[in-house]
């Protein structure tokens, strides 16, 4: 089954704009193996020094590592620091 294309995606394609994240969708920025920034999150679902799971619009982002800490969190963004081993995107998990 084909995925339905949103109005914003069609507009971006028609205007031949660079492939940038659409407004409201999560943006994940990784700085080496020590820091992860997530924008447009929907809250933290699990928090330990080994695993942090974050709810996003279409599922969850799971960060695994060692000595993980949530160093900054606002309604719009959060920053996770520590030794990052893996980042998993799980679509549709809720």
PDB file of N, CA and C in Angstrom:
ATOM      1  N   UNK A   1       0.845  -1.176   0.000  1.00  0.00           N
ATOM      2  CA  UNK A   1       0.000   0.000   0.000  1.00  0.00           C
ATOM      3  C   UNK A   1       0.893   1.243   0.000  1.00  0.00           C
ATOM      4  N   UNK A   2       0.620   2.177  -0.878  1.00  0.00           N
ATOM      5  CA  UNK A   2       1.417   3.392  -0.991  1.00  0.00           C
ATOM      6  C   UNK A   2       1.138   4.320   0.183  1.00  0.00           C
ATOM      7  N   UNK A   3       2.198   4.982   0.644  1.00  0.00           N
ATOM      8  CA  UNK A   3       2.066   5.944   1.736  1.00  0.00           C
ATOM      9  C   UNK A   3       1.470   7.234   1.198  1.00  0.00           C
ATOM     10  N   UNK A   4       0.542   7.792   1.937  1.00  0.00           N
ATOM     11  CA  UNK A   4      -0.104   9.037   1.536  1.00  0.00           C
ATOM     12  C   UNK A   4       0.860  10.200   1.772  1.00  0.00           C
ATOM     13  N   UNK A   5       1.016  11.063   0.787  1.00  0.00           N
ATOM     14  CA  UNK A   5       1.929  12.202   0.884  1.00  0.00           C
ATOM     15  C   UNK A   5       1.166  13.404   1.428  1.00  0.00           C
ATOM     16  N   UNK A   6       1.723  14.037   2.461  1.00  0.00           N
ATOM     17  CA  UNK A   6       1.062  15.183   3.086  1.00  0.00           C
ATOM     18  C   UNK A   6       1.152  16.422   2.206  1.00  0.00           C
ATOM     19  N   UNK A   7       0.332  17.395   2.518  1.00  0.00           N
ATOM     20  CA  UNK A   7       0.328  18.658   1.787  1.00  0.00           C
ATOM     21  C   UNK A   7       1.693  19.327   1.850  1.00  0.00           C
ATOM     22  N   UNK A   8       2.321  19.337   3.041  1.00  0.00           N
ATOM     23  CA  UNK A   8       3.629  19.982   3.203  1.00  0.00           C
ATOM     24  C   UNK A   8       4.694  19.271   2.361  1.00  0.00           C
ATOM     25  N   UNK A   9       4.640  17.944   2.284  1.00  0.00           N
ATOM     26  CA  UNK A   9       5.595  17.199   1.454  1.00  0.00           C
ATOM     27  C   UNK A   9       5.402  17.532  -0.025  1.00  0.00           C
ATOM     28  N   UNK A  10       4.134  17.585  -0.469  1.00  0.00           N
ATOM     29  CA  UNK A  10       3.849  17.938  -1.867  1.00  0.00           C
ATOM     30  C   UNK A  10       4.328  19.350  -2.180  1.00  0.00           C
ATOM     31  N   UNK A  11       4.104  20.276  -1.256  1.00  0.00           N
ATOM     32  CA  UNK A  11       4.529  21.657  -1.436  1.00  0.00           C
ATOM     33  C   UNK A  11       6.053  21.748  -1.532  1.00  0.00           C
ATOM     34  N   UNK A  12       6.759  21.027  -0.673  1.00  0.00           N
ATOM     35  CA  UNK A  12       8.221  21.011  -0.701  1.00  0.00           C
ATOM     36  C   UNK A  12       8.735  20.452  -2.020  1.00  0.00           C
ATOM     37  N   UNK A  13       8.116  19.363  -2.492  1.00  0.00           N
ATOM     38  CA  UNK A  13       8.529  18.765  -3.760  1.00  0.00           C
ATOM     39  C   UNK A  13       8.252  19.707  -4.932  1.00  0.00           C
ATOM     40  N   UNK A  14       7.087  20.341  -4.936  1.00  0.00           N
ATOM     41  CA  UNK A  14       6.711  21.237  -6.029  1.00  0.00           C
ATOM     42  C   UNK A  14       7.619  22.463  -6.090  1.00  0.00           C
ATOM     43  N   UNK A  15       8.035  22.954  -4.935  1.00  0.00           N
ATOM     44  CA  UNK A  15       8.895  24.135  -4.886  1.00  0.00           C
ATOM     45  C   UNK A  15      10.358  23.780  -5.105  1.00  0.00           C
ATOM     46  N   UNK A  16      10.656  22.477  -5.232  1.00  0.00           N
ATOM     47  CA  UNK A  16      12.019  21.993  -5.434  1.00  0.00           C
ATOM     48  C   UNK A  16      12.955  22.501  -4.336  1.00  0.00           C
ATOM     49  N   UNK A  17      12.469  22.438  -3.091  1.00  0.00           N
ATOM     50  CA  UNK A  17      13.265  22.857  -1.940  1.00  0.00           C
ATOM     51  C   UNK A  17      14.164  21.711  -1.481  1.00  0.00           C
ATOM     52  N   UNK A  18      15.265  22.021  -0.774  1.00  0.00           N
ATOM     53  CA  UNK A  18      16.112  20.951  -0.253  1.00  0.00           C
ATOM     54  C   UNK A  18      15.321  20.055   0.696  1.00  0.00           C
ATOM     55  N   UNK A  19      15.745  18.825   0.820  1.00  0.00           N
ATOM     56  CA  UNK A  19      15.046  17.850   1.657  1.00  0.00           C
ATOM     57  C   UNK A  19      15.290  18.147   3.137  1.00  0.00           C
ATOM     58  N   UNK A  20      14.523  19.049   3.685  1.00  0.00           N
ATOM     59  CA  UNK A  20      14.618  19.458   5.080  1.00  0.00           C
ATOM     60  C   UNK A  20      13.486  18.816   5.870  1.00  0.00           C
ATOM     61  N   UNK A  21      13.654  18.681   7.200  1.00  0.00           N
ATOM     62  CA  UNK A  21      12.564  18.137   8.011  1.00  0.00           C
ATOM     63  C   UNK A  21      11.329  19.037   7.929  1.00  0.00           C
ATOM     64  N   UNK A  22      10.170  18.422   7.891  1.00  0.00           N
ATOM     65  CA  UNK A  22       8.928  19.174   7.854  1.00  0.00           C
ATOM     66  C   UNK A  22       8.607  19.716   9.238  1.00  0.00           C
ATOM     67  N   UNK A  23       7.906  20.828   9.319  1.00  0.00           N
ATOM     68  CA  UNK A  23       7.561  21.412  10.609  1.00  0.00           C
ATOM     69  C   UNK A  23       6.814  20.416  11.496  1.00  0.00           C
ATOM     70  N   UNK A  24       7.219  20.341  12.762  1.00  0.00           N
ATOM     71  CA  UNK A  24       6.550  19.481  13.731  1.00  0.00           C
ATOM     72  C   UNK A  24       7.087  18.067  13.802  1.00  0.00           C
ATOM     73  N   UNK A  25       7.848  17.633  12.788  1.00  0.00           N
ATOM     74  CA  UNK A  25       8.432  16.296  12.847  1.00  0.00           C
ATOM     75  C   UNK A  25       9.713  16.326  13.674  1.00  0.00           C
ATOM     76  N   UNK A  26      10.031  15.235  14.354  1.00  0.00           N
ATOM     77  CA  UNK A  26      11.218  15.228  15.199  1.00  0.00           C
ATOM     78  C   UNK A  26      12.502  15.402  14.392  1.00  0.00           C
ATOM     79  N   UNK A  27      13.437  16.095  14.991  1.00  0.00           N
ATOM     80  CA  UNK A  27      14.755  16.289  14.417  1.00  0.00           C
ATOM     81  C   UNK A  27      15.747  15.723  15.422  1.00  0.00           C
ATOM     82  N   UNK A  28      16.595  14.800  14.974  1.00  0.00           N
ATOM     83  CA  UNK A  28      17.567  14.158  15.852  1.00  0.00           C
ATOM     84  C   UNK A  28      18.957  14.557  15.375  1.00  0.00           C
ATOM     85  N   UNK A  29      19.730  15.121  16.287  1.00  0.00           N
ATOM     86  CA  UNK A  29      21.082  15.566  15.960  1.00  0.00           C
ATOM     87  C   UNK A  29      22.051  14.823  16.870  1.00  0.00           C
ATOM     88  N   UNK A  30      23.045  14.165  16.286  1.00  0.00           N
ATOM     89  CA  UNK A  30      24.001  13.369  17.054  1.00  0.00           C
ATOM     90  C   UNK A  30      25.363  14.042  16.967  1.00  0.00           C
ATOM     91  N   UNK A  31      25.985  14.270  18.122  1.00  0.00           N
ATOM     92  CA  UNK A  31      27.319  14.865  18.187  1.00  0.00           C
ATOM     93  C   UNK A  31      28.291  13.790  18.671  1.00  0.00           C
ATOM     94  N   UNK A  32      28.955  13.152  17.725  1.00  0.00           N
ATOM     95  CA  UNK A  32      29.895  12.085  18.073  1.00  0.00           C
ATOM     96  C   UNK A  32      29.187  10.955  18.785  1.00  0.00           C
ATOM     97  N   UNK A  33      29.823  10.427  19.828  1.00  0.00           N
ATOM     98  CA  UNK A  33      29.194   9.366  20.621  1.00  0.00           C
ATOM     99  C   UNK A  33      28.901   9.852  22.035  1.00  0.00           C
ATOM    100  N   UNK A  34      28.776  11.173  22.202  1.00  0.00           N
ATOM    101  CA  UNK A  34      28.607  11.743  23.543  1.00  0.00           C
ATOM    102  C   UNK A  34      27.332  12.549  23.769  1.00  0.00           C
ATOM    103  N   UNK A  35      26.617  12.924  22.676  1.00  0.00           N
ATOM    104  CA  UNK A  35      25.451  13.795  22.881  1.00  0.00           C
ATOM    105  C   UNK A  35      24.428  13.586  21.778  1.00  0.00           C
ATOM    106  N   UNK A  36      23.137  13.605  22.162  1.00  0.00           N
ATOM    107  CA  UNK A  36      22.023  13.520  21.226  1.00  0.00           C
ATOM    108  C   UNK A  36      21.044  14.639  21.558  1.00  0.00           C
ATOM    109  N   UNK A  37      20.648  15.391  20.542  1.00  0.00           N
ATOM    110  CA  UNK A  37      19.629  16.436  20.692  1.00  0.00           C
ATOM    111  C   UNK A  37      18.398  15.964  19.934  1.00  0.00           C
ATOM    112  N   UNK A  38      17.236  16.022  20.581  1.00  0.00           N
ATOM    113  CA  UNK A  38      15.979  15.662  19.927  1.00  0.00           C
ATOM    114  C   UNK A  38      15.033  16.853  20.046  1.00  0.00           C
ATOM    115  N   UNK A  39      14.562  17.336  18.901  1.00  0.00           N
ATOM    116  CA  UNK A  39      13.585  18.428  18.875  1.00  0.00           C
ATOM    117  C   UNK A  39      12.224  17.875  18.508  1.00  0.00           C
ATOM    118  N   UNK A  40      11.173  18.512  18.986  1.00  0.00           N
ATOM    119  CA  UNK A  40       9.778  18.138  18.724  1.00  0.00           C
ATOM    120  C   UNK A  40       9.433  16.768  19.322  1.00  0.00           C
ATOM    121  N   UNK A  41       9.853  16.522  20.549  1.00  0.00           N
ATOM    122  CA  UNK A  41       9.525  15.265  21.231  1.00  0.00           C
ATOM    123  C   UNK A  41       8.170  15.379  21.929  1.00  0.00           C
ATOM    124  N   UNK A  42       7.662  14.231  22.379  1.00  0.00           N
ATOM    125  CA  UNK A  42       6.372  14.185  23.081  1.00  0.00           C
ATOM    126  C   UNK A  42       6.532  13.676  24.508  1.00  0.00           C
ATOM    127  N   UNK A  43       7.755  13.652  25.021  1.00  0.00           N
ATOM    128  CA  UNK A  43       7.985  13.235  26.399  1.00  0.00           C
ATOM    129  C   UNK A  43       8.906  12.031  26.511  1.00  0.00           C
ATOM    130  N   UNK A  44       9.399  11.818  27.734  1.00  0.00           N
ATOM    131  CA  UNK A  44      10.292  10.704  28.028  1.00  0.00           C
ATOM    132  C   UNK A  44       9.459   9.545  28.545  1.00  0.00           C
ATOM    133  N   UNK A  45       9.670   8.359  27.982  1.00  0.00           N
ATOM    134  CA  UNK A  45       8.904   7.167  28.368  1.00  0.00           C
ATOM    135  C   UNK A  45       9.679   6.260  29.314  1.00  0.00           C
ATOM    136  N   UNK A  46      10.998   6.246  29.194  1.00  0.00           N
ATOM    137  CA  UNK A  46      11.848   5.418  30.046  1.00  0.00           C
ATOM    138  C   UNK A  46      13.142   6.174  30.288  1.00  0.00           C
ATOM    139  N   UNK A  47      13.648   6.080  31.530  1.00  0.00           N
ATOM    140  CA  UNK A  47      14.869   6.811  31.858  1.00  0.00           C
ATOM    141  C   UNK A  47      15.717   5.995  32.811  1.00  0.00           C
ATOM    142  N   UNK A  48      16.911   5.615  32.363  1.00  0.00           N
ATOM    143  CA  UNK A  48      17.911   4.991  33.234  1.00  0.00           C
ATOM    144  C   UNK A  48      19.282   5.397  32.698  1.00  0.00           C
ATOM    145  N   UNK A  49      20.331   4.992  33.374  1.00  0.00           N
ATOM    146  CA  UNK A  49      21.675   5.349  32.912  1.00  0.00           C
ATOM    147  C   UNK A  49      22.100   4.533  31.694  1.00  0.00           C
ATOM    148  N   UNK A  50      21.327   3.474  31.352  1.00  0.00           N
ATOM    149  CA  UNK A  50      21.642   2.655  30.185  1.00  0.00           C
ATOM    150  C   UNK A  50      20.684   2.876  29.010  1.00  0.00           C
ATOM    151  N   UNK A  51      19.451   3.294  29.282  1.00  0.00           N
ATOM    152  CA  UNK A  51      18.431   3.436  28.234  1.00  0.00           C
ATOM    153  C   UNK A  51      17.563   4.662  28.495  1.00  0.00           C
ATOM    154  N   UNK A  52      17.345   5.439  27.437  1.00  0.00           N
ATOM    155  CA  UNK A  52      16.375   6.535  27.486  1.00  0.00           C
ATOM    156  C   UNK A  52      15.488   6.389  26.257  1.00  0.00           C
ATOM    157  N   UNK A  53      14.171   6.237  26.489  1.00  0.00           N
ATOM    158  CA  UNK A  53      13.198   6.136  25.400  1.00  0.00           C
ATOM    159  C   UNK A  53      12.380   7.411  25.363  1.00  0.00           C
ATOM    160  N   UNK A  54      12.268   7.986  24.166  1.00  0.00           N
ATOM    161  CA  UNK A  54      11.587   9.262  23.976  1.00  0.00           C
ATOM    162  C   UNK A  54      10.445   9.058  22.985  1.00  0.00           C
ATOM    163  N   UNK A  55       9.267   9.545  23.330  1.00  0.00           N
ATOM    164  CA  UNK A  55       8.087   9.470  22.454  1.00  0.00           C
ATOM    165  C   UNK A  55       8.183  10.592  21.439  1.00  0.00           C
ATOM    166  N   UNK A  56       7.938  10.238  20.165  1.00  0.00           N
ATOM    167  CA  UNK A  56       7.854  11.222  19.094  1.00  0.00           C
ATOM    168  C   UNK A  56       6.545  11.004  18.344  1.00  0.00           C
ATOM    169  N   UNK A  57       6.246  11.870  17.423  1.00  0.00           N
ATOM    170  CA  UNK A  57       4.951  11.873  16.733  1.00  0.00           C
ATOM    171  C   UNK A  57       4.591  10.524  16.125  1.00  0.00           C
ATOM    172  N   UNK A  58       5.551   9.803  15.560  1.00  0.00           N
ATOM    173  CA  UNK A  58       5.252   8.565  14.843  1.00  0.00           C
ATOM    174  C   UNK A  58       5.826   7.318  15.506  1.00  0.00           C
ATOM    175  N   UNK A  59       6.250   7.397  16.759  1.00  0.00           N
ATOM    176  CA  UNK A  59       6.787   6.218  17.445  1.00  0.00           C
ATOM    177  C   UNK A  59       7.677   6.585  18.616  1.00  0.00           C
ATOM    178  N   UNK A  60       8.829   5.920  18.701  1.00  0.00           N
ATOM    179  CA  UNK A  60       9.755   6.137  19.803  1.00  0.00           C
ATOM    180  C   UNK A  60      11.188   6.178  19.282  1.00  0.00           C
ATOM    181  N   UNK A  61      12.025   6.892  20.017  1.00  0.00           N
ATOM    182  CA  UNK A  61      13.455   6.878  19.780  1.00  0.00           C
ATOM    183  C   UNK A  61      14.079   6.304  21.041  1.00  0.00           C
ATOM    184  N   UNK A  62      14.887   5.254  20.879  1.00  0.00           N
ATOM    185  CA  UNK A  62      15.516   4.598  22.019  1.00  0.00           C
ATOM    186  C   UNK A  62      17.022   4.815  21.932  1.00  0.00           C
ATOM    187  N   UNK A  63      17.575   5.469  22.944  1.00  0.00           N
ATOM    188  CA  UNK A  63      19.015   5.702  23.013  1.00  0.00           C
ATOM    189  C   UNK A  63      19.564   4.752  24.064  1.00  0.00           C
ATOM    190  N   UNK A  64      20.574   3.963  23.682  1.00  0.00           N
ATOM    191  CA  UNK A  64      21.205   3.025  24.612  1.00  0.00           C
ATOM    192  C   UNK A  64      22.670   3.395  24.750  1.00  0.00           C
ATOM    193  N   UNK A  65      23.208   3.200  25.949  1.00  0.00           N
ATOM    194  CA  UNK A  65      24.601   3.529  26.176  1.00  0.00           C
ATOM    195  C   UNK A  65      24.984   3.331  27.626  1.00  0.00           C
ATOM    196  N   UNK A  66      25.921   4.136  28.082  1.00  0.00           N
ATOM    197  CA  UNK A  66      26.403   4.073  29.464  1.00  0.00           C
ATOM    198  C   UNK A  66      26.479   5.490  30.017  1.00  0.00           C
ATOM    199  N   UNK A  67      26.202   5.617  31.283  1.00  0.00           N
ATOM    200  CA  UNK A  67      26.252   6.915  31.974  1.00  0.00           C
ATOM    201  C   UNK A  67      25.368   7.960  31.294  1.00  0.00           C
ATOM    202  N   UNK A  68      24.199   7.538  30.789  1.00  0.00           N
ATOM    203  CA  UNK A  68      23.296   8.467  30.108  1.00  0.00           C
ATOM    204  C   UNK A  68      22.618   9.382  31.117  1.00  0.00           C
ATOM    205  N   UNK A  69      22.532  10.650  30.776  1.00  0.00           N
ATOM    206  CA  UNK A  69      21.810  11.628  31.587  1.00  0.00           C
ATOM    207  C   UNK A  69      21.034  12.556  30.662  1.00  0.00           C
ATOM    208  N   UNK A  70      19.917  13.004  31.160  1.00  0.00           N
ATOM    209  CA  UNK A  70      19.104  13.987  30.462  1.00  0.00           C
ATOM    210  C   UNK A  70      19.596  15.342  30.957  1.00  0.00           C
ATOM    211  N   UNK A  71      20.444  16.003  30.171  1.00  0.00           N
ATOM    212  CA  UNK A  71      21.094  17.220  30.642  1.00  0.00           C
ATOM    213  C   UNK A  71      20.274  18.485  30.412  1.00  0.00           C
ATOM    214  N   UNK A  72      19.301  18.424  29.494  1.00  0.00           N
ATOM    215  CA  UNK A  72      18.464  19.595  29.213  1.00  0.00           C
ATOM    216  C   UNK A  72      17.136  19.106  28.661  1.00  0.00           C
ATOM    217  N   UNK A  73      16.034  19.665  29.164  1.00  0.00           N
ATOM    218  CA  UNK A  73      14.730  19.282  28.624  1.00  0.00           C
ATOM    219  C   UNK A  73      13.770  20.453  28.717  1.00  0.00           C
ATOM    220  N   UNK A  74      13.194  20.790  27.574  1.00  0.00           N
ATOM    221  CA  UNK A  74      12.117  21.771  27.509  1.00  0.00           C
ATOM    222  C   UNK A  74      10.983  21.120  26.736  1.00  0.00           C
ATOM    223  N   UNK A  75       9.894  21.841  26.580  1.00  0.00           N
ATOM    224  CA  UNK A  75       8.769  21.317  25.804  1.00  0.00           C
ATOM    225  C   UNK A  75       9.184  21.046  24.362  1.00  0.00           C
ATOM    226  N   UNK A  76      10.130  21.803  23.843  1.00  0.00           N
ATOM    227  CA  UNK A  76      10.520  21.684  22.446  1.00  0.00           C
ATOM    228  C   UNK A  76      11.704  20.785  22.165  1.00  0.00           C
ATOM    229  N   UNK A  77      12.620  20.636  23.126  1.00  0.00           N
ATOM    230  CA  UNK A  77      13.811  19.847  22.847  1.00  0.00           C
ATOM    231  C   UNK A  77      14.373  19.216  24.106  1.00  0.00           C
ATOM    232  N   UNK A  78      15.195  18.184  23.887  1.00  0.00           N
ATOM    233  CA  UNK A  78      15.927  17.585  24.998  1.00  0.00           C
ATOM    234  C   UNK A  78      17.310  17.189  24.529  1.00  0.00           C
ATOM    235  N   UNK A  79      18.240  17.170  25.482  1.00  0.00           N
ATOM    236  CA  UNK A  79      19.620  16.789  25.194  1.00  0.00           C
ATOM    237  C   UNK A  79      19.997  15.649  26.121  1.00  0.00           C
ATOM    238  N   UNK A  80      20.524  14.581  25.533  1.00  0.00           N
ATOM    239  CA  UNK A  80      20.976  13.416  26.276  1.00  0.00           C
ATOM    240  C   UNK A  80      22.491  13.344  26.128  1.00  0.00           C
ATOM    241  N   UNK A  81      23.188  13.209  27.258  1.00  0.00           N
ATOM    242  CA  UNK A  81      24.642  13.099  27.248  1.00  0.00           C
ATOM    243  C   UNK A  81      25.063  11.778  27.865  1.00  0.00           C
ATOM    244  N   UNK A  82      26.252  11.333  27.529  1.00  0.00           N
ATOM    245  CA  UNK A  82      26.812  10.086  28.037  1.00  0.00           C
ATOM    246  C   UNK A  82      27.550   9.392  26.920  1.00  0.00           C
ATOM    247  N   UNK A  83      27.805   8.110  27.096  1.00  0.00           N
ATOM    248  CA  UNK A  83      28.442   7.327  26.033  1.00  0.00           C
ATOM    249  C   UNK A  83      27.352   6.633  25.225  1.00  0.00           C
ATOM    250  N   UNK A  84      27.099   7.115  24.031  1.00  0.00           N
ATOM    251  CA  UNK A  84      26.023   6.607  23.187  1.00  0.00           C
ATOM    252  C   UNK A  84      26.514   5.356  22.450  1.00  0.00           C
ATOM    253  N   UNK A  85      25.799   4.241  22.631  1.00  0.00           N
ATOM    254  CA  UNK A  85      26.133   3.003  21.917  1.00  0.00           C
ATOM    255  C   UNK A  85      25.237   2.816  20.704  1.00  0.00           C
ATOM    256  N   UNK A  86      23.941   3.153  20.829  1.00  0.00           N
ATOM    257  CA  UNK A  86      23.031   2.971  19.703  1.00  0.00           C
ATOM    258  C   UNK A  86      21.825   3.896  19.827  1.00  0.00           C
ATOM    259  N   UNK A  87      21.242   4.180  18.670  1.00  0.00           N
ATOM    260  CA  UNK A  87      20.010   4.971  18.587  1.00  0.00           C
ATOM    261  C   UNK A  87      19.070   4.202  17.679  1.00  0.00           C
ATOM    262  N   UNK A  88      17.877   3.876  18.185  1.00  0.00           N
ATOM    263  CA  UNK A  88      16.901   3.105  17.424  1.00  0.00           C
ATOM    264  C   UNK A  88      15.641   3.930  17.225  1.00  0.00           C
ATOM    265  N   UNK A  89      15.116   3.900  16.020  1.00  0.00           N
ATOM    266  CA  UNK A  89      13.837   4.523  15.715  1.00  0.00           C
ATOM    267  C   UNK A  89      12.821   3.396  15.578  1.00  0.00           C
ATOM    268  N   UNK A  90      11.783   3.434  16.414  1.00  0.00           N
ATOM    269  CA  UNK A  90      10.747   2.404  16.394  1.00  0.00           C
ATOM    270  C   UNK A  90       9.444   3.067  15.973  1.00  0.00           C
ATOM    271  N   UNK A  91       9.031   2.848  14.742  1.00  0.00           N
ATOM    272  CA  UNK A  91       7.811   3.451  14.211  1.00  0.00           C
ATOM    273  C   UNK A  91       6.588   2.745  14.782  1.00  0.00           C
ATOM    274  N   UNK A  92       5.563   3.526  15.065  1.00  0.00           N
ATOM    275  CA  UNK A  92       4.286   2.977  15.483  1.00  0.00           C
ATOM    276  C   UNK A  92       4.213   2.449  16.904  1.00  0.00           C
ATOM    277  N   UNK A  93       5.310   2.519  17.644  1.00  0.00           N
ATOM    278  CA  UNK A  93       5.270   2.054  19.056  1.00  0.00           C
ATOM    279  C   UNK A  93       4.676   3.181  19.876  1.00  0.00           C
ATOM    280  N   UNK A  94       3.842   2.815  20.794  1.00  0.00           N
ATOM    281  CA  UNK A  94       3.203   3.872  21.443  1.00  0.00           C
ATOM    282  C   UNK A  94       3.062   4.076  22.814  1.00  0.00           C
TER     283      UNK A  94
END
